[in-house]
Amino acid sequence: MLRGIELVAERETKAPLDPAKQVAARLKKAAFANELICYSMNGTIDGQFGDHILIAPPFIITGDQIDKFVHAARYAGTA
């Protein structure tokens, strides 16, 4: 399982986030604080703009662990 999540300023237009805000890096830091490991990337559009995170849970993940992941990801997204 592998999931990439693109982070955008506006869902409809998919406008990229302001690189100065370092949203992907801040999300990664908040995720780690909530026992959630993810990989963050910046500049994926043109070397400057474009944020995303990559998650790769193990194949043996349980339903309870998926619930914990979803909760942690939602909480990290508010940081």
C-alpha atoms as a PDB file:
ATOM      1  CA  MET A   1       0.000   0.000   0.000  1.00  0.00           C
ATOM      2  CA  LEU A   2       1.261   3.393  -0.903  1.00  0.00           C
ATOM      3  CA  ARG A   3      -0.620   6.680  -0.931  1.00  0.00           C
ATOM      4  CA  GLY A   4       0.487  10.107  -2.012  1.00  0.00           C
ATOM      5  CA  ILE A   5      -1.514  13.085  -0.789  1.00  0.00           C
ATOM      6  CA  GLU A   6      -1.140  16.361  -2.645  1.00  0.00           C
ATOM      7  CA  LEU A   7      -1.550  19.430  -0.451  1.00  0.00           C
ATOM      8  CA  VAL A   8      -3.100  22.409  -2.220  1.00  0.00           C
ATOM      9  CA  ALA A   9      -4.277  25.881  -1.287  1.00  0.00           C
ATOM     10  CA  GLU A  10      -7.558  25.440  -3.166  1.00  0.00           C
ATOM     11  CA  ARG A  11      -9.123  22.095  -3.977  1.00  0.00           C
ATOM     12  CA  GLU A  12     -11.033  23.262  -7.063  1.00  0.00           C
ATOM     13  CA  THR A  13      -8.118  24.946  -8.840  1.00  0.00           C
ATOM     14  CA  LYS A  14      -5.374  22.823  -7.231  1.00  0.00           C
ATOM     15  CA  ALA A  15      -3.418  26.028  -6.664  1.00  0.00           C
ATOM     16  CA  PRO A  16      -0.166  25.209  -4.844  1.00  0.00           C
ATOM     17  CA  LEU A  17       0.528  26.296  -1.300  1.00  0.00           C
ATOM     18  CA  ASP A  18       2.875  29.164  -0.512  1.00  0.00           C
ATOM     19  CA  PRO A  19       6.329  27.533  -0.224  1.00  0.00           C
ATOM     20  CA  ALA A  20       7.268  29.931   2.586  1.00  0.00           C
ATOM     21  CA  LYS A  21       4.642  28.283   4.810  1.00  0.00           C
ATOM     22  CA  GLN A  22       6.401  24.880   4.588  1.00  0.00           C
ATOM     23  CA  VAL A  23       3.091  23.069   5.033  1.00  0.00           C
ATOM     24  CA  ALA A  24       4.359  19.579   4.145  1.00  0.00           C
ATOM     25  CA  ALA A  25       7.288  19.872   6.562  1.00  0.00           C
ATOM     26  CA  ARG A  26       5.034  21.159   9.347  1.00  0.00           C
ATOM     27  CA  LEU A  27       2.553  18.362   8.702  1.00  0.00           C
ATOM     28  CA  LYS A  28       5.352  15.801   8.913  1.00  0.00           C
ATOM     29  CA  LYS A  29       6.529  17.240  12.230  1.00  0.00           C
ATOM     30  CA  ALA A  30       2.992  17.160  13.665  1.00  0.00           C
ATOM     31  CA  ALA A  31       2.453  13.634  12.333  1.00  0.00           C
ATOM     32  CA  PHE A  32       5.638  12.357  13.984  1.00  0.00           C
ATOM     33  CA  ALA A  33       4.522  13.941  17.270  1.00  0.00           C
ATOM     34  CA  ASN A  34       1.355  11.819  16.965  1.00  0.00           C
ATOM     35  CA  GLU A  35       3.233   8.565  16.219  1.00  0.00           C
ATOM     36  CA  LEU A  36       2.500   8.749  12.493  1.00  0.00           C
ATOM     37  CA  ILE A  37       5.369   8.408  10.050  1.00  0.00           C
ATOM     38  CA  CYS A  38       5.090  10.072   6.672  1.00  0.00           C
ATOM     39  CA  TYR A  39       7.463  11.462   4.085  1.00  0.00           C
ATOM     40  CA  SER A  40       7.076  15.094   3.092  1.00  0.00           C
ATOM     41  CA  MET A  41       8.167  16.697  -0.154  1.00  0.00           C
ATOM     42  CA  ASN A  42       8.243  20.297  -1.334  1.00  0.00           C
ATOM     43  CA  GLY A  43       8.854  21.785  -4.762  1.00  0.00           C
ATOM     44  CA  THR A  44       7.416  18.870  -6.682  1.00  0.00           C
ATOM     45  CA  ILE A  45       5.846  21.025  -9.408  1.00  0.00           C
ATOM     46  CA  ASP A  46       8.823  23.086 -10.500  1.00  0.00           C
ATOM     47  CA  GLY A  47      11.452  22.842  -7.795  1.00  0.00           C
ATOM     48  CA  GLN A  48       9.798  25.568  -5.735  1.00  0.00           C
ATOM     49  CA  PHE A  49       6.008  25.034  -5.652  1.00  0.00           C
ATOM     50  CA  GLY A  50       4.126  21.872  -4.788  1.00  0.00           C
ATOM     51  CA  ASP A  51       3.704  20.060  -1.465  1.00  0.00           C
ATOM     52  CA  HIS A  52       2.756  16.461  -0.823  1.00  0.00           C
ATOM     53  CA  ILE A  53       3.154  13.743   1.750  1.00  0.00           C
ATOM     54  CA  LEU A  54       3.649  10.046   1.148  1.00  0.00           C
ATOM     55  CA  ILE A  55       2.347   7.349   3.452  1.00  0.00           C
ATOM     56  CA  ALA A  56       3.229   3.673   3.216  1.00  0.00           C
ATOM     57  CA  PRO A  57       1.584   1.519   5.891  1.00  0.00           C
ATOM     58  CA  PRO A  58       2.679  -2.118   6.229  1.00  0.00           C
ATOM     59  CA  PHE A  59       0.720  -4.826   4.431  1.00  0.00           C
ATOM     60  CA  ILE A  60      -0.170  -6.377   7.805  1.00  0.00           C
ATOM     61  CA  ILE A  61      -1.878  -3.244   9.147  1.00  0.00           C
ATOM     62  CA  THR A  62      -4.963  -3.889  11.295  1.00  0.00           C
ATOM     63  CA  GLY A  63      -8.294  -2.082  11.305  1.00  0.00           C
ATOM     64  CA  ASP A  64      -7.473  -0.530  14.679  1.00  0.00           C
ATOM     65  CA  GLN A  65      -4.157   0.749  13.340  1.00  0.00           C
ATOM     66  CA  ILE A  66      -5.897   2.257  10.305  1.00  0.00           C
ATOM     67  CA  ASP A  67      -8.316   4.057  12.653  1.00  0.00           C
ATOM     68  CA  LYS A  68      -5.364   5.359  14.684  1.00  0.00           C
ATOM     69  CA  PHE A  69      -3.667   6.535  11.493  1.00  0.00           C
ATOM     70  CA  VAL A  70      -6.757   8.383  10.264  1.00  0.00           C
ATOM     71  CA  HIS A  71      -7.196  10.079  13.649  1.00  0.00           C
ATOM     72  CA  ALA A  72      -3.521  11.099  13.808  1.00  0.00           C
ATOM     73  CA  ALA A  73      -3.556  12.381  10.230  1.00  0.00           C
ATOM     74  CA  ARG A  74      -6.641  14.502  10.891  1.00  0.00           C
ATOM     75  CA  TYR A  75      -5.105  15.918  14.063  1.00  0.00           C
ATOM     76  CA  ALA A  76      -1.766  16.592  12.335  1.00  0.00           C
ATOM     77  CA  GLY A  77      -3.582  18.391   9.531  1.00  0.00           C
ATOM     78  CA  THR A  78      -4.894  20.968  11.990  1.00  0.00           C
ATOM     79  CA  ALA A  79      -1.451  21.832  13.367  1.00  0.00           C
END
